[in-house]
Amino acid sequence: MTDAPNAEQAEFWSDGAGLDWVTFENKLDAQFAGANAALIDAARPKSGQSVLDIGCGTGATTRDFAQAVGPNGSVLGLDISTSMLAQARKSAASQGLTNTSFTCADAQTSPLESAKYNHIVSRFGVMFFADPVAAFTNLYSGLTAGGQLTMACWGPFKENPWFTLPRRIATDLLGSPPSVDPRAPGPFAFAEADYVLEILTKAGFSSASVTTLDIPLVLPGDAANAAELSSYIGPANSVIRAQNGTAKDKAQIVAATKTKLQAFEINGTVTVPAKIHIYTAHKPA
């Protein structure tokens, strides 16, 4: 462990959580495809442009933007997870994408090439900074004049049943972990829109705005498949770890989650409603 600002996040996402994301890459890519599409629609990248993808994980967003900017453009995926980046490189190579590259770095502290990127984008990758203003000030430095920041972040926790249902089941069984500051680094740190817009303004961005969209999470398969995934990726797993839950506890949580998710089974998929913020901001021309 180092004393770097986001060292704990780097360790967390490189080991257990990051390895789970690698294991379930295909399922998660399918589940979040709608968020990727919303990002591209809001960013409107053009052929030949340069894109920086923050918190790229296993690279689905990087690959989608690489297709959008074409072979004359380029996309750099940046993440602090070594395990997820290794998978991102493999997945991009398997699709024959030669306009992608990946770097292990902390977007809060690692210097970026000045004024290089037409777009900085992120899907659920910017809510984990120890110092958000410092992080976005650093990102601002990497944008070209007139460049755009576009990011997808989870909306209010209570309006995202993919998270609320498994967590409630887990806490009913095991009890609730100690409460934390809702703005602390974590999936819902940017759910409060006014707070995020203030961060972006402090970092130097102009015309910061947010649009909150209903973007269903669509997971191929049945409720049993979805419940198993939710026990590895999401708050149920966090509760199990925090409360020292057993394998028996986890199985009980998965079974109860399956029952709840059956209400969302539609034509061979589990389609769960979600509220997602799409934030945009610009570097003045």
Protein backbone atom coordinates (compact mmCIF):
# COMPACT_ATOMS: atom_id res chain seq x y z
CA MET A 1 0.00 0.00 0.00
CA THR A 2 1.33 3.46 -0.90
CA ASP A 3 0.28 6.88 0.31
CA ALA A 4 -0.99 7.92 -3.15
CA PRO A 5 -4.43 9.60 -2.91
CA ASN A 6 -6.31 6.76 -4.59
CA ALA A 7 -4.09 3.85 -3.54
CA GLU A 8 -6.90 1.96 -1.83
CA GLN A 9 -9.04 2.25 -4.95
CA ALA A 10 -6.16 0.96 -7.09
CA GLU A 11 -5.75 -2.08 -4.84
CA PHE A 12 -9.50 -2.73 -4.68
CA TRP A 13 -10.02 -2.56 -8.45
CA SER A 14 -6.89 -4.56 -9.32
CA ASP A 15 -7.62 -7.47 -7.00
CA GLY A 16 -11.02 -8.86 -5.94
CA ALA A 17 -13.42 -6.41 -7.57
CA GLY A 18 -11.35 -6.01 -10.72
CA LEU A 19 -11.03 -9.77 -11.15
CA ASP A 20 -14.80 -10.12 -10.81
CA TRP A 21 -15.29 -7.53 -13.56
CA VAL A 22 -12.93 -9.52 -15.79
CA THR A 23 -14.79 -12.75 -15.04
CA PHE A 24 -18.17 -11.23 -15.88
CA GLU A 25 -16.96 -8.92 -18.67
CA ASN A 26 -19.43 -10.09 -21.33
CA LYS A 27 -22.44 -9.89 -19.02
CA LEU A 28 -21.49 -6.43 -17.78
CA ASP A 29 -20.82 -5.16 -21.30
CA ALA A 30 -24.32 -6.25 -22.31
CA GLN A 31 -25.89 -4.80 -19.17
CA PHE A 32 -24.32 -1.36 -19.68
CA ALA A 33 -24.59 -1.13 -23.47
CA GLY A 34 -27.41 1.42 -23.14
CA ALA A 35 -25.20 3.70 -21.04
CA ASN A 36 -22.45 3.47 -23.66
CA ALA A 37 -24.91 4.43 -26.38
CA ALA A 38 -26.10 7.42 -24.34
CA LEU A 39 -22.50 8.57 -23.87
CA ILE A 40 -21.78 8.46 -27.58
CA ASP A 41 -25.03 10.25 -28.35
CA ALA A 42 -24.16 13.04 -25.91
CA ALA A 43 -20.50 13.33 -26.93
CA ARG A 44 -21.08 13.15 -30.70
CA PRO A 45 -17.49 12.15 -31.55
CA LYS A 46 -16.33 12.76 -35.11
CA SER A 47 -14.10 10.70 -37.35
CA GLY A 48 -10.43 11.35 -36.68
CA GLN A 49 -10.85 12.78 -33.20
CA SER A 50 -8.84 11.89 -30.10
CA VAL A 51 -10.64 10.50 -27.03
CA LEU A 52 -9.55 9.78 -23.45
CA ASP A 53 -11.69 7.21 -21.60
CA ILE A 54 -11.39 7.56 -17.81
CA GLY A 55 -11.92 4.50 -15.64
CA CYS A 56 -12.15 2.39 -18.77
CA GLY A 57 -12.22 -0.93 -16.93
CA THR A 58 -12.22 -3.82 -19.39
CA GLY A 59 -12.57 -1.38 -22.26
CA ALA A 60 -16.13 -1.59 -23.61
CA THR A 61 -16.48 2.19 -23.75
CA THR A 62 -13.01 2.52 -25.25
CA ARG A 63 -13.92 0.10 -28.01
CA ASP A 64 -17.24 1.79 -28.75
CA PHE A 65 -15.59 5.19 -29.08
CA ALA A 66 -12.82 3.67 -31.21
CA GLN A 67 -15.48 2.53 -33.65
CA ALA A 68 -17.04 6.00 -33.58
CA VAL A 69 -13.85 7.95 -34.35
CA GLY A 70 -12.68 5.46 -36.96
CA PRO A 71 -9.17 4.34 -37.92
CA ASN A 72 -7.93 7.92 -38.26
CA GLY A 73 -8.96 8.70 -34.69
CA SER A 74 -7.60 7.32 -31.44
CA VAL A 75 -8.86 6.36 -28.00
CA LEU A 76 -6.74 5.98 -24.87
CA GLY A 77 -8.28 3.99 -22.04
CA LEU A 78 -6.98 4.95 -18.61
CA ASP A 79 -7.59 3.03 -15.39
CA ILE A 80 -5.91 2.21 -12.06
CA SER A 81 -6.78 -1.50 -12.30
CA THR A 82 -3.99 -3.64 -13.71
CA SER A 83 -6.21 -6.70 -14.05
CA MET A 84 -8.98 -4.90 -15.91
CA LEU A 85 -6.53 -3.20 -18.24
CA ALA A 86 -4.93 -6.52 -19.16
CA GLN A 87 -8.36 -7.76 -20.19
CA ALA A 88 -9.11 -4.50 -22.03
CA ARG A 89 -6.02 -4.96 -24.19
CA LYS A 90 -7.03 -8.54 -25.03
CA SER A 91 -10.59 -7.58 -25.92
CA ALA A 92 -9.51 -4.68 -28.15
CA ALA A 93 -6.98 -6.89 -29.93
CA SER A 94 -9.61 -9.59 -30.47
CA GLN A 95 -11.73 -7.02 -32.33
CA GLY A 96 -8.77 -5.89 -34.43
CA LEU A 97 -8.93 -2.33 -33.12
CA THR A 98 -5.62 -0.66 -33.91
CA ASN A 99 -6.68 2.82 -32.79
CA THR A 100 -6.89 1.97 -29.08
CA SER A 101 -4.27 2.00 -26.34
CA PHE A 102 -4.43 1.55 -22.58
CA THR A 103 -2.46 3.03 -19.69
CA CYS A 104 -2.43 2.25 -15.98
CA ALA A 105 -2.51 5.64 -14.27
CA ASP A 106 -4.41 7.71 -11.72
CA ALA A 107 -6.46 10.36 -13.52
CA GLN A 108 -6.34 12.56 -10.41
CA THR A 109 -2.56 12.82 -10.17
CA SER A 110 -0.93 11.54 -13.37
CA PRO A 111 0.01 14.38 -15.75
CA LEU A 112 -1.87 14.31 -19.04
CA GLU A 113 -0.54 15.47 -22.37
CA SER A 114 -1.66 19.09 -22.53
CA ALA A 115 -4.59 19.97 -24.78
CA LYS A 116 -4.49 16.64 -26.65
CA TYR A 117 -8.02 15.22 -26.44
CA ASN A 118 -11.15 16.40 -28.23
CA HIS A 119 -13.21 14.33 -25.82
CA ILE A 120 -12.79 13.00 -22.31
CA VAL A 121 -15.45 10.40 -21.53
CA SER A 122 -16.29 8.01 -18.74
CA ARG A 123 -18.91 5.40 -17.97
CA PHE A 124 -19.18 4.92 -14.22
CA GLY A 125 -15.45 5.57 -13.79
CA VAL A 126 -15.15 9.02 -12.21
CA MET A 127 -16.95 8.65 -8.87
CA PHE A 128 -13.99 7.25 -6.94
CA PHE A 129 -11.54 10.16 -6.67
CA ALA A 130 -10.26 11.16 -3.23
CA ASP A 131 -10.18 14.79 -4.43
CA PRO A 132 -12.67 15.30 -7.29
CA VAL A 133 -11.78 18.95 -7.92
CA ALA A 134 -8.10 18.08 -8.29
CA ALA A 135 -8.98 15.18 -10.57
CA PHE A 136 -11.17 17.23 -12.90
CA THR A 137 -8.67 20.08 -12.93
CA ASN A 138 -6.15 17.54 -14.20
CA LEU A 139 -8.60 16.24 -16.80
CA TYR A 140 -9.35 19.79 -17.92
CA SER A 141 -5.66 20.22 -18.78
CA GLY A 142 -5.86 17.35 -21.26
CA LEU A 143 -8.74 18.75 -23.32
CA THR A 144 -8.28 20.77 -26.47
CA ALA A 145 -9.81 24.24 -26.57
CA GLY A 146 -13.51 23.64 -27.15
CA GLY A 147 -13.15 20.01 -26.08
CA GLN A 148 -15.94 18.22 -24.24
CA LEU A 149 -16.18 16.14 -21.09
CA THR A 150 -19.02 13.59 -21.14
CA MET A 151 -19.66 11.11 -18.37
CA ALA A 152 -22.32 8.68 -17.23
CA CYS A 153 -22.84 8.40 -13.47
CA TRP A 154 -25.48 6.65 -11.42
CA GLY A 155 -28.49 8.71 -10.45
CA PRO A 156 -30.11 8.50 -7.00
CA PHE A 157 -29.54 5.19 -5.25
CA LYS A 158 -33.21 4.76 -4.39
CA GLU A 159 -34.13 4.97 -8.09
CA ASN A 160 -31.80 2.15 -9.15
CA PRO A 161 -33.33 -1.20 -8.16
CA TRP A 162 -30.36 -3.16 -9.50
CA PHE A 163 -28.60 -1.86 -6.39
CA THR A 164 -31.42 -1.35 -3.90
CA LEU A 165 -33.01 -4.80 -4.12
CA PRO A 166 -29.90 -6.92 -3.45
CA ARG A 167 -28.66 -4.53 -0.78
CA ARG A 168 -31.93 -4.60 1.11
CA ILE A 169 -31.95 -8.39 1.02
CA ALA A 170 -28.35 -8.53 2.23
CA THR A 171 -28.87 -6.04 5.07
CA ASP A 172 -32.11 -7.71 6.17
CA LEU A 173 -30.10 -10.89 6.66
CA LEU A 174 -26.75 -9.56 7.88
CA GLY A 175 -27.43 -6.08 9.18
CA SER A 176 -26.23 -2.75 7.78
CA PRO A 177 -22.56 -1.79 7.68
CA PRO A 178 -21.65 1.58 9.23
CA SER A 179 -23.04 4.47 7.22
CA VAL A 180 -20.68 6.55 5.08
CA ASP A 181 -20.76 10.03 3.60
CA PRO A 182 -22.87 9.77 0.41
CA ARG A 183 -20.24 11.90 -1.35
CA ALA A 184 -17.41 9.56 -0.36
CA PRO A 185 -15.73 7.71 -3.25
CA GLY A 186 -18.11 5.05 -4.49
CA PRO A 187 -20.66 4.24 -7.18
CA PHE A 188 -23.18 6.87 -6.01
CA ALA A 189 -20.78 9.68 -5.09
CA PHE A 190 -22.00 11.71 -8.10
CA ALA A 191 -25.71 11.06 -7.69
CA GLU A 192 -26.24 14.62 -6.39
CA ALA A 193 -26.19 16.66 -9.61
CA ASP A 194 -25.67 20.13 -8.12
CA TYR A 195 -22.61 18.88 -6.23
CA VAL A 196 -21.06 17.51 -9.43
CA LEU A 197 -21.79 20.64 -11.46
CA GLU A 198 -20.07 22.69 -8.76
CA ILE A 199 -17.00 20.42 -8.94
CA LEU A 200 -16.79 20.84 -12.71
CA THR A 201 -17.10 24.62 -12.45
CA LYS A 202 -14.37 24.77 -9.79
CA ALA A 203 -12.14 22.70 -12.07
CA GLY A 204 -12.47 25.30 -14.83
CA PHE A 205 -15.11 23.78 -17.08
CA SER A 206 -17.81 25.91 -18.67
CA SER A 207 -21.44 25.17 -19.54
CA ALA A 208 -21.60 22.19 -17.20
CA SER A 209 -24.98 20.48 -17.40
CA VAL A 210 -26.73 17.23 -16.59
CA THR A 211 -29.48 15.19 -18.21
CA THR A 212 -31.00 12.36 -16.22
CA LEU A 213 -32.11 9.46 -18.38
CA ASP A 214 -34.07 6.26 -17.92
CA ILE A 215 -31.66 3.69 -19.34
CA PRO A 216 -32.66 0.09 -18.63
CA LEU A 217 -29.99 -2.39 -17.64
CA VAL A 218 -30.52 -5.39 -19.91
CA LEU A 219 -28.88 -8.64 -18.88
CA PRO A 220 -29.35 -11.69 -21.16
CA GLY A 221 -30.61 -14.74 -19.33
CA ASP A 222 -32.98 -15.40 -16.46
CA ALA A 223 -33.33 -14.06 -12.94
CA ALA A 224 -31.06 -16.74 -11.50
CA ASN A 225 -28.25 -15.59 -13.78
CA ALA A 226 -28.82 -11.94 -12.83
CA ALA A 227 -28.98 -12.71 -9.12
CA GLU A 228 -25.68 -14.55 -9.25
CA LEU A 229 -24.04 -11.58 -10.98
CA SER A 230 -25.46 -9.17 -8.40
CA SER A 231 -23.78 -11.15 -5.63
CA TYR A 232 -20.36 -10.42 -7.14
CA ILE A 233 -20.85 -6.94 -8.65
CA GLY A 234 -22.74 -4.48 -6.48
CA PRO A 235 -23.75 -3.62 -2.93
CA ALA A 236 -24.82 -7.09 -1.84
CA ASN A 237 -21.22 -8.23 -2.19
CA SER A 238 -20.07 -5.17 -0.25
CA VAL A 239 -22.47 -5.98 2.60
CA ILE A 240 -21.39 -9.62 2.64
CA ARG A 241 -17.72 -8.60 2.91
CA ALA A 242 -18.34 -5.91 5.51
CA GLN A 243 -20.49 -8.17 7.70
CA ASN A 244 -18.30 -11.27 7.30
CA GLY A 245 -21.08 -13.17 5.58
CA THR A 246 -20.64 -16.89 4.92
CA ALA A 247 -21.12 -18.92 1.75
CA LYS A 248 -24.47 -20.00 3.18
CA ASP A 249 -25.45 -16.34 3.68
CA LYS A 250 -24.48 -15.54 0.11
CA ALA A 251 -26.54 -18.43 -1.25
CA GLN A 252 -29.55 -17.24 0.72
CA ILE A 253 -29.13 -13.69 -0.60
CA VAL A 254 -28.82 -14.95 -4.18
CA ALA A 255 -31.98 -17.04 -3.83
CA ALA A 256 -34.00 -14.13 -2.45
CA THR A 257 -32.62 -11.77 -5.10
CA LYS A 258 -33.62 -14.22 -7.81
CA THR A 259 -37.19 -14.15 -6.55
CA LYS A 260 -37.27 -10.34 -6.66
CA LEU A 261 -35.66 -10.11 -10.10
CA GLN A 262 -38.17 -12.50 -11.65
CA ALA A 263 -40.50 -9.50 -11.93
CA PHE A 264 -38.05 -8.04 -14.46
CA GLU A 265 -37.73 -11.08 -16.74
CA ILE A 266 -38.76 -10.11 -20.27
CA ASN A 267 -38.30 -12.33 -23.34
CA GLY A 268 -35.14 -14.08 -22.18
CA THR A 269 -33.58 -11.08 -20.49
CA VAL A 270 -33.68 -9.38 -17.12
CA THR A 271 -34.44 -5.72 -17.84
CA VAL A 272 -34.11 -3.52 -14.77
CA PRO A 273 -34.99 0.20 -14.88
CA ALA A 274 -32.19 2.62 -14.01
CA LYS A 275 -31.68 6.36 -13.57
CA ILE A 276 -28.38 7.54 -15.02
CA HIS A 277 -26.97 11.07 -15.08
CA ILE A 278 -25.21 12.16 -18.27
CA TYR A 279 -22.96 15.09 -17.38
CA THR A 280 -21.39 17.31 -20.05
CA ALA A 281 -19.00 20.24 -19.76
CA HIS A 282 -16.56 22.05 -22.02
CA LYS A 283 -13.18 23.70 -22.09
CA PRO A 284 -13.76 27.18 -23.54
CA ALA A 285 -12.65 27.59 -27.14
